[in-house]
């Protein structure tokens, strides 16, 4: 069985506005047997793909969005790209890298 999160009807609205969290109460069902930390596709109740997310069944925030792009592959290269981009956005001449937050959660 394919692993995925299916949201309750109407609960995709915050994702469509690019809010990066999915609360446990928004999930209608979990297909497959994802483990905590697994990357899973998130689908609206009607079946359309919404995002890729990190799954955490032990939290009220049950999933945190990695990417809105269905074609995105969540792998080591994905994280390397995202971290390089985050560091580049916060690196300024004359300011030591140790003096700022280089990665800022879901914003990066």
PDB file of N, CA and C in Angstrom:
ATOM      1  N   UNK A   1       0.844  -1.188   0.000  1.00  0.00           N
ATOM      2  CA  UNK A   1       0.000   0.000   0.000  1.00  0.00           C
ATOM      3  C   UNK A   1       0.883   1.243   0.000  1.00  0.00           C
ATOM      4  N   UNK A   2       0.470   2.214  -0.777  1.00  0.00           N
ATOM      5  CA  UNK A   2       1.182   3.487  -0.864  1.00  0.00           C
ATOM      6  C   UNK A   2       0.923   4.291   0.408  1.00  0.00           C
ATOM      7  N   UNK A   3       1.977   4.884   0.937  1.00  0.00           N
ATOM      8  CA  UNK A   3       1.853   5.709   2.140  1.00  0.00           C
ATOM      9  C   UNK A   3       1.427   7.112   1.751  1.00  0.00           C
ATOM     10  N   UNK A   4       0.416   7.654   2.453  1.00  0.00           N
ATOM     11  CA  UNK A   4       0.024   9.048   2.260  1.00  0.00           C
ATOM     12  C   UNK A   4      -0.922   9.491   3.363  1.00  0.00           C
ATOM     13  N   UNK A   5      -0.971  10.808   3.549  1.00  0.00           N
ATOM     14  CA  UNK A   5      -1.918  11.413   4.478  1.00  0.00           C
ATOM     15  C   UNK A   5      -3.075  11.967   3.664  1.00  0.00           C
ATOM     16  N   UNK A   6      -4.282  11.680   4.120  1.00  0.00           N
ATOM     17  CA  UNK A   6      -5.476  12.215   3.481  1.00  0.00           C
ATOM     18  C   UNK A   6      -6.138  13.160   4.483  1.00  0.00           C
ATOM     19  N   UNK A   7      -6.368  14.395   4.060  1.00  0.00           N
ATOM     20  CA  UNK A   7      -6.971  15.387   4.948  1.00  0.00           C
ATOM     21  C   UNK A   7      -8.493  15.286   4.945  1.00  0.00           C
ATOM     22  N   UNK A   8      -9.089  15.805   5.997  1.00  0.00           N
ATOM     23  CA  UNK A   8     -10.540  15.905   6.072  1.00  0.00           C
ATOM     24  C   UNK A   8     -11.008  16.965   5.068  1.00  0.00           C
ATOM     25  N   UNK A   9     -12.253  16.856   4.600  1.00  0.00           N
ATOM     26  CA  UNK A   9     -12.765  17.864   3.659  1.00  0.00           C
ATOM     27  C   UNK A   9     -12.639  19.274   4.231  1.00  0.00           C
ATOM     28  N   UNK A  10     -12.144  20.184   3.407  1.00  0.00           N
ATOM     29  CA  UNK A  10     -12.002  21.581   3.801  1.00  0.00           C
ATOM     30  C   UNK A  10     -10.738  21.907   4.573  1.00  0.00           C
ATOM     31  N   UNK A  11     -10.013  20.904   5.010  1.00  0.00           N
ATOM     32  CA  UNK A  11      -8.824  21.154   5.832  1.00  0.00           C
ATOM     33  C   UNK A  11      -7.577  21.449   5.008  1.00  0.00           C
ATOM     34  N   UNK A  12      -7.706  21.464   3.703  1.00  0.00           N
ATOM     35  CA  UNK A  12      -6.575  21.796   2.835  1.00  0.00           C
ATOM     36  C   UNK A  12      -6.405  23.298   2.675  1.00  0.00           C
ATOM     37  N   UNK A  13      -7.360  24.083   3.161  1.00  0.00           N
ATOM     38  CA  UNK A  13      -7.343  25.539   2.937  1.00  0.00           C
ATOM     39  C   UNK A  13      -6.062  26.195   3.439  1.00  0.00           C
ATOM     40  N   UNK A  14      -5.605  25.814   4.623  1.00  0.00           N
ATOM     41  CA  UNK A  14      -4.382  26.436   5.144  1.00  0.00           C
ATOM     42  C   UNK A  14      -3.169  26.042   4.300  1.00  0.00           C
ATOM     43  N   UNK A  15      -3.149  24.818   3.798  1.00  0.00           N
ATOM     44  CA  UNK A  15      -2.033  24.399   2.940  1.00  0.00           C
ATOM     45  C   UNK A  15      -2.059  25.162   1.617  1.00  0.00           C
ATOM     46  N   UNK A  16      -3.227  25.408   1.097  1.00  0.00           N
ATOM     47  CA  UNK A  16      -3.322  26.163  -0.153  1.00  0.00           C
ATOM     48  C   UNK A  16      -2.832  27.594   0.014  1.00  0.00           C
ATOM     49  N   UNK A  17      -2.845  28.095   1.250  1.00  0.00           N
ATOM     50  CA  UNK A  17      -2.289  29.418   1.565  1.00  0.00           C
ATOM     51  C   UNK A  17      -0.828  29.301   2.000  1.00  0.00           C
ATOM     52  N   UNK A  18      -0.260  28.102   1.861  1.00  0.00           N
ATOM     53  CA  UNK A  18       1.146  27.803   2.143  1.00  0.00           C
ATOM     54  C   UNK A  18       1.499  27.788   3.635  1.00  0.00           C
ATOM     55  N   UNK A  19       0.544  27.464   4.492  1.00  0.00           N
ATOM     56  CA  UNK A  19       0.876  27.255   5.905  1.00  0.00           C
ATOM     57  C   UNK A  19       1.562  25.897   6.003  1.00  0.00           C
ATOM     58  N   UNK A  20       2.723  25.808   6.669  1.00  0.00           N
ATOM     59  CA  UNK A  20       3.536  24.584   6.609  1.00  0.00           C
ATOM     60  C   UNK A  20       3.204  23.494   7.632  1.00  0.00           C
ATOM     61  N   UNK A  21       2.174  23.664   8.431  1.00  0.00           N
ATOM     62  CA  UNK A  21       1.861  22.655   9.448  1.00  0.00           C
ATOM     63  C   UNK A  21       0.529  21.978   9.172  1.00  0.00           C
ATOM     64  N   UNK A  22       0.460  20.688   9.524  1.00  0.00           N
ATOM     65  CA  UNK A  22      -0.799  19.949   9.468  1.00  0.00           C
ATOM     66  C   UNK A  22      -1.047  19.400  10.864  1.00  0.00           C
ATOM     67  N   UNK A  23      -2.124  19.846  11.479  1.00  0.00           N
ATOM     68  CA  UNK A  23      -2.464  19.391  12.822  1.00  0.00           C
ATOM     69  C   UNK A  23      -3.188  18.052  12.762  1.00  0.00           C
ATOM     70  N   UNK A  24      -3.062  17.285  13.828  1.00  0.00           N
ATOM     71  CA  UNK A  24      -3.636  15.939  13.864  1.00  0.00           C
ATOM     72  C   UNK A  24      -5.126  15.936  13.555  1.00  0.00           C
ATOM     73  N   UNK A  25      -5.858  16.951  13.995  1.00  0.00           N
ATOM     74  CA  UNK A  25      -7.294  17.009  13.760  1.00  0.00           C
ATOM     75  C   UNK A  25      -7.686  17.229  12.313  1.00  0.00           C
ATOM     76  N   UNK A  26      -6.732  17.599  11.464  1.00  0.00           N
ATOM     77  CA  UNK A  26      -7.017  17.826  10.050  1.00  0.00           C
ATOM     78  C   UNK A  26      -6.900  16.548   9.223  1.00  0.00           C
ATOM     79  N   UNK A  27      -6.343  15.508   9.808  1.00  0.00           N
ATOM     80  CA  UNK A  27      -6.082  14.270   9.063  1.00  0.00           C
ATOM     81  C   UNK A  27      -7.276  13.329   9.165  1.00  0.00           C
ATOM     82  N   UNK A  28      -7.813  12.956   8.004  1.00  0.00           N
ATOM     83  CA  UNK A  28      -8.922  11.998   7.964  1.00  0.00           C
ATOM     84  C   UNK A  28      -8.386  10.588   8.158  1.00  0.00           C
ATOM     85  N   UNK A  29      -7.288  10.283   7.458  1.00  0.00           N
ATOM     86  CA  UNK A  29      -6.700   8.945   7.585  1.00  0.00           C
ATOM     87  C   UNK A  29      -5.257   8.940   7.083  1.00  0.00           C
ATOM     88  N   UNK A  30      -4.543   7.936   7.546  1.00  0.00           N
ATOM     89  CA  UNK A  30      -3.170   7.706   7.116  1.00  0.00           C
ATOM     90  C   UNK A  30      -3.170   6.374   6.377  1.00  0.00           C
ATOM     91  N   UNK A  31      -2.762   6.400   5.134  1.00  0.00           N
ATOM     92  CA  UNK A  31      -2.673   5.164   4.366  1.00  0.00           C
ATOM     93  C   UNK A  31      -1.256   4.641   4.444  1.00  0.00           C
ATOM     94  N   UNK A  32      -1.106   3.350   4.550  1.00  0.00           N
ATOM     95  CA  UNK A  32       0.200   2.738   4.718  1.00  0.00           C
ATOM     96  C   UNK A  32       0.596   2.779   6.183  1.00  0.00           C
ATOM     97  N   UNK A  33       1.863   2.582   6.440  1.00  0.00           N
ATOM     98  CA  UNK A  33       2.357   2.566   7.814  1.00  0.00           C
ATOM     99  C   UNK A  33       3.604   3.434   7.948  1.00  0.00           C
ATOM    100  N   UNK A  34       3.451   4.756   7.760  1.00  0.00           N
ATOM    101  CA  UNK A  34       4.633   5.611   7.878  1.00  0.00           C
ATOM    102  C   UNK A  34       5.126   5.664   9.322  1.00  0.00           C
ATOM    103  N   UNK A  35       6.419   5.775   9.463  1.00  0.00           N
ATOM    104  CA  UNK A  35       7.057   5.928  10.765  1.00  0.00           C
ATOM    105  C   UNK A  35       7.325   7.406  11.004  1.00  0.00           C
ATOM    106  N   UNK A  36       7.512   7.777  12.259  1.00  0.00           N
ATOM    107  CA  UNK A  36       7.864   9.147  12.577  1.00  0.00           C
ATOM    108  C   UNK A  36       9.108   9.563  11.821  1.00  0.00           C
ATOM    109  N   UNK A  37       9.048  10.715  11.182  1.00  0.00           N
ATOM    110  CA  UNK A  37      10.180  11.223  10.413  1.00  0.00           C
ATOM    111  C   UNK A  37      10.126  10.884   8.936  1.00  0.00           C
ATOM    112  N   UNK A  38       9.254   9.958   8.544  1.00  0.00           N
ATOM    113  CA  UNK A  38       9.133   9.617   7.126  1.00  0.00           C
ATOM    114  C   UNK A  38       8.571  10.793   6.341  1.00  0.00           C
ATOM    115  N   UNK A  39       9.004  10.921   5.104  1.00  0.00           N
ATOM    116  CA  UNK A  39       8.428  11.899   4.189  1.00  0.00           C
ATOM    117  C   UNK A  39       7.234  11.246   3.509  1.00  0.00           C
ATOM    118  N   UNK A  40       6.094  11.931   3.575  1.00  0.00           N
ATOM    119  CA  UNK A  40       4.863  11.374   3.013  1.00  0.00           C
ATOM    120  C   UNK A  40       4.167  12.411   2.142  1.00  0.00           C
ATOM    121  N   UNK A  41       3.474  11.949   1.093  1.00  0.00           N
ATOM    122  CA  UNK A  41       2.664  12.879   0.326  1.00  0.00           C
ATOM    123  C   UNK A  41       1.382  13.181   1.080  1.00  0.00           C
ATOM    124  N   UNK A  42       0.917  14.407   0.962  1.00  0.00           N
ATOM    125  CA  UNK A  42      -0.320  14.849   1.601  1.00  0.00           C
ATOM    126  C   UNK A  42      -1.326  15.129   0.494  1.00  0.00           C
ATOM    127  N   UNK A  43      -2.547  14.592   0.678  1.00  0.00           N
ATOM    128  CA  UNK A  43      -3.594  14.756  -0.318  1.00  0.00           C
ATOM    129  C   UNK A  43      -4.844  15.353   0.319  1.00  0.00           C
ATOM    130  N   UNK A  44      -5.572  16.140  -0.466  1.00  0.00           N
ATOM    131  CA  UNK A  44      -6.869  16.665  -0.035  1.00  0.00           C
ATOM    132  C   UNK A  44      -7.862  15.506   0.000  1.00  0.00           C
ATOM    133  N   UNK A  45      -8.996  15.732   0.624  1.00  0.00           N
ATOM    134  CA  UNK A  45     -10.034  14.702   0.717  1.00  0.00           C
ATOM    135  C   UNK A  45     -10.471  14.231  -0.672  1.00  0.00           C
ATOM    136  N   UNK A  46     -10.435  15.137  -1.648  1.00  0.00           N
ATOM    137  CA  UNK A  46     -10.841  14.793  -3.011  1.00  0.00           C
ATOM    138  C   UNK A  46      -9.751  14.045  -3.776  1.00  0.00           C
ATOM    139  N   UNK A  47      -8.561  13.924  -3.182  1.00  0.00           N
ATOM    140  CA  UNK A  47      -7.501  13.129  -3.789  1.00  0.00           C
ATOM    141  C   UNK A  47      -6.340  13.891  -4.387  1.00  0.00           C
ATOM    142  N   UNK A  48      -6.457  15.209  -4.586  1.00  0.00           N
ATOM    143  CA  UNK A  48      -5.351  15.917  -5.239  1.00  0.00           C
ATOM    144  C   UNK A  48      -4.151  16.075  -4.295  1.00  0.00           C
ATOM    145  N   UNK A  49      -2.978  15.986  -4.896  1.00  0.00           N
ATOM    146  CA  UNK A  49      -1.722  16.163  -4.163  1.00  0.00           C
ATOM    147  C   UNK A  49      -1.627  17.606  -3.687  1.00  0.00           C
ATOM    148  N   UNK A  50      -1.155  17.767  -2.431  1.00  0.00           N
ATOM    149  CA  UNK A  50      -0.961  19.107  -1.870  1.00  0.00           C
ATOM    150  C   UNK A  50       0.498  19.411  -1.563  1.00  0.00           C
ATOM    151  N   UNK A  51       1.212  18.434  -0.989  1.00  0.00           N
ATOM    152  CA  UNK A  51       2.588  18.700  -0.551  1.00  0.00           C
ATOM    153  C   UNK A  51       3.270  17.414  -0.101  1.00  0.00           C
ATOM    154  N   UNK A  52       4.584  17.522   0.076  1.00  0.00           N
ATOM    155  CA  UNK A  52       5.379  16.495   0.753  1.00  0.00           C
ATOM    156  C   UNK A  52       5.606  16.980   2.175  1.00  0.00           C
ATOM    157  N   UNK A  53       5.501  16.075   3.143  1.00  0.00           N
ATOM    158  CA  UNK A  53       5.651  16.490   4.535  1.00  0.00           C
ATOM    159  C   UNK A  53       6.409  15.446   5.344  1.00  0.00           C
ATOM    160  N   UNK A  54       7.023  15.903   6.436  1.00  0.00           N
ATOM    161  CA  UNK A  54       7.630  15.009   7.424  1.00  0.00           C
ATOM    162  C   UNK A  54       6.522  14.615   8.395  1.00  0.00           C
ATOM    163  N   UNK A  55       6.342  13.329   8.597  1.00  0.00           N
ATOM    164  CA  UNK A  55       5.262  12.810   9.425  1.00  0.00           C
ATOM    165  C   UNK A  55       5.728  12.602  10.856  1.00  0.00           C
ATOM    166  N   UNK A  56       4.890  13.003  11.822  1.00  0.00           N
ATOM    167  CA  UNK A  56       5.180  12.789  13.242  1.00  0.00           C
ATOM    168  C   UNK A  56       3.878  12.431  13.958  1.00  0.00           C
ATOM    169  N   UNK A  57       3.594  11.137  14.112  1.00  0.00           N
ATOM    170  CA  UNK A  57       2.343  10.728  14.740  1.00  0.00           C
ATOM    171  C   UNK A  57       2.283  11.020  16.234  1.00  0.00           C
ATOM    172  N   UNK A  58       3.387  11.380  16.840  1.00  0.00           N
ATOM    173  CA  UNK A  58       3.439  11.623  18.285  1.00  0.00           C
ATOM    174  C   UNK A  58       3.227  13.092  18.647  1.00  0.00           C
ATOM    175  N   UNK A  59       2.929  13.938  17.663  1.00  0.00           N
ATOM    176  CA  UNK A  59       2.782  15.370  17.909  1.00  0.00           C
ATOM    177  C   UNK A  59       1.416  15.856  17.442  1.00  0.00           C
ATOM    178  N   UNK A  60       0.942  16.934  18.048  1.00  0.00           N
ATOM    179  CA  UNK A  60      -0.292  17.546  17.545  1.00  0.00           C
ATOM    180  C   UNK A  60      -0.063  18.158  16.164  1.00  0.00           C
ATOM    181  N   UNK A  61       1.173  18.565  15.898  1.00  0.00           N
ATOM    182  CA  UNK A  61       1.535  18.960  14.536  1.00  0.00           C
ATOM    183  C   UNK A  61       2.025  17.673  13.879  1.00  0.00           C
ATOM    184  N   UNK A  62       1.121  16.979  13.214  1.00  0.00           N
ATOM    185  CA  UNK A  62       1.406  15.634  12.707  1.00  0.00           C
ATOM    186  C   UNK A  62       2.256  15.618  11.452  1.00  0.00           C
ATOM    187  N   UNK A  63       2.323  16.738  10.762  1.00  0.00           N
ATOM    188  CA  UNK A  63       3.145  16.795   9.553  1.00  0.00           C
ATOM    189  C   UNK A  63       3.609  18.232   9.330  1.00  0.00           C
ATOM    190  N   UNK A  64       4.841  18.348   8.855  1.00  0.00           N
ATOM    191  CA  UNK A  64       5.433  19.649   8.524  1.00  0.00           C
ATOM    192  C   UNK A  64       5.895  19.578   7.072  1.00  0.00           C
ATOM    193  N   UNK A  65       5.490  20.574   6.310  1.00  0.00           N
ATOM    194  CA  UNK A  65       5.709  20.551   4.871  1.00  0.00           C
ATOM    195  C   UNK A  65       7.186  20.710   4.520  1.00  0.00           C
ATOM    196  N   UNK A  66       7.635  19.826   3.634  1.00  0.00           N
ATOM    197  CA  UNK A  66       8.982  19.936   3.046  1.00  0.00           C
ATOM    198  C   UNK A  66       8.907  20.712   1.740  1.00  0.00           C
ATOM    199  N   UNK A  67       7.923  20.341   0.901  1.00  0.00           N
ATOM    200  CA  UNK A  67       7.860  20.911  -0.447  1.00  0.00           C
ATOM    201  C   UNK A  67       6.421  20.876  -0.953  1.00  0.00           C
ATOM    202  N   UNK A  68       6.085  21.856  -1.761  1.00  0.00           N
ATOM    203  CA  UNK A  68       4.761  21.925  -2.397  1.00  0.00           C
ATOM    204  C   UNK A  68       4.799  21.304  -3.787  1.00  0.00           C
ATOM    205  N   UNK A  69       5.980  20.939  -4.244  1.00  0.00           N
ATOM    206  CA  UNK A  69       6.186  20.427  -5.605  1.00  0.00           C
ATOM    207  C   UNK A  69       6.077  18.903  -5.604  1.00  0.00           C
ATOM    208  N   UNK A  70       5.086  18.382  -6.308  1.00  0.00           N
ATOM    209  CA  UNK A  70       4.864  16.939  -6.344  1.00  0.00           C
ATOM    210  C   UNK A  70       6.056  16.196  -6.942  1.00  0.00           C
ATOM    211  N   UNK A  71       6.805  16.835  -7.826  1.00  0.00           N
ATOM    212  CA  UNK A  71       7.941  16.187  -8.480  1.00  0.00           C
ATOM    213  C   UNK A  71       9.213  16.210  -7.627  1.00  0.00           C
ATOM    214  N   UNK A  72       9.179  16.950  -6.521  1.00  0.00           N
ATOM    215  CA  UNK A  72      10.356  17.063  -5.643  1.00  0.00           C
ATOM    216  C   UNK A  72      10.683  15.696  -5.034  1.00  0.00           C
ATOM    217  N   UNK A  73      11.952  15.386  -4.980  1.00  0.00           N
ATOM    218  CA  UNK A  73      12.414  14.165  -4.320  1.00  0.00           C
ATOM    219  C   UNK A  73      13.052  14.599  -3.005  1.00  0.00           C
ATOM    220  N   UNK A  74      12.540  14.087  -1.899  1.00  0.00           N
ATOM    221  CA  UNK A  74      13.050  14.446  -0.577  1.00  0.00           C
ATOM    222  C   UNK A  74      14.170  13.461  -0.236  1.00  0.00           C
ATOM    223  N   UNK A  75      15.386  13.890  -0.505  1.00  0.00           N
ATOM    224  CA  UNK A  75      16.554  13.039  -0.275  1.00  0.00           C
ATOM    225  C   UNK A  75      17.707  13.902   0.240  1.00  0.00           C
ATOM    226  N   UNK A  76      18.874  13.340   0.317  1.00  0.00           N
ATOM    227  CA  UNK A  76      20.043  14.073   0.806  1.00  0.00           C
ATOM    228  C   UNK A  76      20.315  15.317  -0.036  1.00  0.00           C
ATOM    229  N   UNK A  77      20.194  15.191  -1.344  1.00  0.00           N
ATOM    230  CA  UNK A  77      20.440  16.340  -2.230  1.00  0.00           C
ATOM    231  C   UNK A  77      19.440  17.462  -1.962  1.00  0.00           C
ATOM    232  N   UNK A  78      18.195  17.122  -1.645  1.00  0.00           N
ATOM    233  CA  UNK A  78      17.180  18.119  -1.297  1.00  0.00           C
ATOM    234  C   UNK A  78      17.647  18.933  -0.102  1.00  0.00           C
ATOM    235  N   UNK A  79      18.086  18.256   0.961  1.00  0.00           N
ATOM    236  CA  UNK A  79      18.518  18.965   2.165  1.00  0.00           C
ATOM    237  C   UNK A  79      19.790  19.771   1.922  1.00  0.00           C
ATOM    238  N   UNK A  80      20.707  19.239   1.144  1.00  0.00           N
ATOM    239  CA  UNK A  80      21.922  19.990   0.824  1.00  0.00           C
ATOM    240  C   UNK A  80      21.574  21.284   0.098  1.00  0.00           C
ATOM    241  N   UNK A  81      20.677  21.217  -0.883  1.00  0.00           N
ATOM    242  CA  UNK A  81      20.254  22.421  -1.621  1.00  0.00           C
ATOM    243  C   UNK A  81      19.596  23.431  -0.687  1.00  0.00           C
ATOM    244  N   UNK A  82      18.684  22.950   0.144  1.00  0.00           N
ATOM    245  CA  UNK A  82      17.948  23.855   1.032  1.00  0.00           C
ATOM    246  C   UNK A  82      18.879  24.514   2.054  1.00  0.00           C
ATOM    247  N   UNK A  83      19.832  23.767   2.587  1.00  0.00           N
ATOM    248  CA  UNK A  83      20.766  24.330   3.567  1.00  0.00           C
ATOM    249  C   UNK A  83      21.699  25.328   2.895  1.00  0.00           C
ATOM    250  N   UNK A  84      22.210  24.993   1.706  1.00  0.00           N
ATOM    251  CA  UNK A  84      23.066  25.941   0.975  1.00  0.00           C
ATOM    252  C   UNK A  84      22.327  27.250   0.708  1.00  0.00           C
ATOM    253  N   UNK A  85      21.083  27.155   0.307  1.00  0.00           N
ATOM    254  CA  UNK A  85      20.272  28.346   0.030  1.00  0.00           C
ATOM    255  C   UNK A  85      20.065  29.169   1.297  1.00  0.00           C
ATOM    256  N   UNK A  86      19.760  28.498   2.407  1.00  0.00           N
ATOM    257  CA  UNK A  86      19.534  29.198   3.678  1.00  0.00           C
ATOM    258  C   UNK A  86      20.804  29.909   4.147  1.00  0.00           C
ATOM    259  N   UNK A  87      21.922  29.229   4.069  1.00  0.00           N
ATOM    260  CA  UNK A  87      23.195  29.819   4.499  1.00  0.00           C
ATOM    261  C   UNK A  87      23.547  31.007   3.606  1.00  0.00           C
ATOM    262  N   UNK A  88      23.366  30.858   2.305  1.00  0.00           N
ATOM    263  CA  UNK A  88      23.680  31.955   1.382  1.00  0.00           C
ATOM    264  C   UNK A  88      22.810  33.178   1.656  1.00  0.00           C
ATOM    265  N   UNK A  89      21.563  32.955   2.030  1.00  0.00           N
ATOM    266  CA  UNK A  89      20.659  34.073   2.301  1.00  0.00           C
ATOM    267  C   UNK A  89      21.050  34.846   3.560  1.00  0.00           C
ATOM    268  N   UNK A  90      21.814  34.226   4.434  1.00  0.00           N
ATOM    269  CA  UNK A  90      22.153  34.860   5.712  1.00  0.00           C
ATOM    270  C   UNK A  90      23.641  35.171   5.856  1.00  0.00           C
ATOM    271  N   UNK A  91      24.399  34.926   4.818  1.00  0.00           N
ATOM    272  CA  UNK A  91      25.831  35.189   4.860  1.00  0.00           C
ATOM    273  C   UNK A  91      26.098  36.569   4.262  1.00  0.00           C
ATOM    274  N   UNK A  92      26.725  37.423   5.054  1.00  0.00           N
ATOM    275  CA  UNK A  92      27.018  38.776   4.623  1.00  0.00           C
ATOM    276  C   UNK A  92      28.489  39.079   4.887  1.00  0.00           C
ATOM    277  N   UNK A  93      29.127  39.802   4.003  1.00  0.00           N
ATOM    278  CA  UNK A  93      30.534  40.151   4.210  1.00  0.00           C
ATOM    279  C   UNK A  93      30.725  40.882   5.537  1.00  0.00           C
ATOM    280  N   UNK A  94      31.728  40.470   6.278  1.00  0.00           N
ATOM    281  CA  UNK A  94      32.070  41.130   7.529  1.00  0.00           C
ATOM    282  C   UNK A  94      31.279  40.642   8.741  1.00  0.00           C
ATOM    283  N   UNK A  95      30.297  39.785   8.526  1.00  0.00           N
ATOM    284  CA  UNK A  95      29.519  39.246   9.651  1.00  0.00           C
ATOM    285  C   UNK A  95      29.823  37.758   9.767  1.00  0.00           C
ATOM    286  N   UNK A  96      30.393  37.347  10.892  1.00  0.00           N
ATOM    287  CA  UNK A  96      30.723  35.933  11.044  1.00  0.00           C
ATOM    288  C   UNK A  96      29.470  35.053  11.002  1.00  0.00           C
ATOM    289  N   UNK A  97      29.563  33.932  10.331  1.00  0.00           N
ATOM    290  CA  UNK A  97      28.421  33.014  10.209  1.00  0.00           C
ATOM    291  C   UNK A  97      27.922  32.555  11.574  1.00  0.00           C
ATOM    292  N   UNK A  98      28.811  32.510  12.561  1.00  0.00           N
ATOM    293  CA  UNK A  98      28.439  32.047  13.898  1.00  0.00           C
ATOM    294  C   UNK A  98      27.513  33.029  14.619  1.00  0.00           C
ATOM    295  N   UNK A  99      27.319  34.223  14.054  1.00  0.00           N
ATOM    296  CA  UNK A  99      26.534  35.235  14.755  1.00  0.00           C
ATOM    297  C   UNK A  99      25.073  35.296  14.313  1.00  0.00           C
ATOM    298  N   UNK A 100      24.653  34.345  13.487  1.00  0.00           N
ATOM    299  CA  UNK A 100      23.249  34.348  13.072  1.00  0.00           C
ATOM    300  C   UNK A 100      22.741  32.919  12.924  1.00  0.00           C
ATOM    301  N   UNK A 101      21.443  32.805  12.927  1.00  0.00           N
ATOM    302  CA  UNK A 101      20.810  31.499  12.706  1.00  0.00           C
ATOM    303  C   UNK A 101      20.900  31.212  11.212  1.00  0.00           C
ATOM    304  N   UNK A 102      21.495  30.098  10.854  1.00  0.00           N
ATOM    305  CA  UNK A 102      21.683  29.789   9.445  1.00  0.00           C
ATOM    306  C   UNK A 102      20.484  29.087   8.823  1.00  0.00           C
ATOM    307  N   UNK A 103      19.778  28.302   9.602  1.00  0.00           N
ATOM    308  CA  UNK A 103      18.601  27.593   9.104  1.00  0.00           C
ATOM    309  C   UNK A 103      17.442  27.936  10.033  1.00  0.00           C
ATOM    310  N   UNK A 104      16.336  28.376   9.441  1.00  0.00           N
ATOM    311  CA  UNK A 104      15.205  28.836  10.221  1.00  0.00           C
ATOM    312  C   UNK A 104      13.967  27.984   9.932  1.00  0.00           C
ATOM    313  N   UNK A 105      13.962  26.774  10.448  1.00  0.00           N
ATOM    314  CA  UNK A 105      12.816  25.874  10.390  1.00  0.00           C
ATOM    315  C   UNK A 105      12.124  25.805   9.047  1.00  0.00           C
ATOM    316  N   UNK A 106      10.816  25.865   9.077  1.00  0.00           N
ATOM    317  CA  UNK A 106      10.025  25.714   7.869  1.00  0.00           C
ATOM    318  C   UNK A 106      10.228  26.848   6.883  1.00  0.00           C
ATOM    319  N   UNK A 107      10.749  27.980   7.329  1.00  0.00           N
ATOM    320  CA  UNK A 107      10.987  29.095   6.422  1.00  0.00           C
ATOM    321  C   UNK A 107      12.054  28.754   5.396  1.00  0.00           C
ATOM    322  N   UNK A 108      12.920  27.822   5.715  1.00  0.00           N
ATOM    323  CA  UNK A 108      13.973  27.431   4.788  1.00  0.00           C
ATOM    324  C   UNK A 108      13.662  26.101   4.157  1.00  0.00           C
TER     325      UNK A 108
END
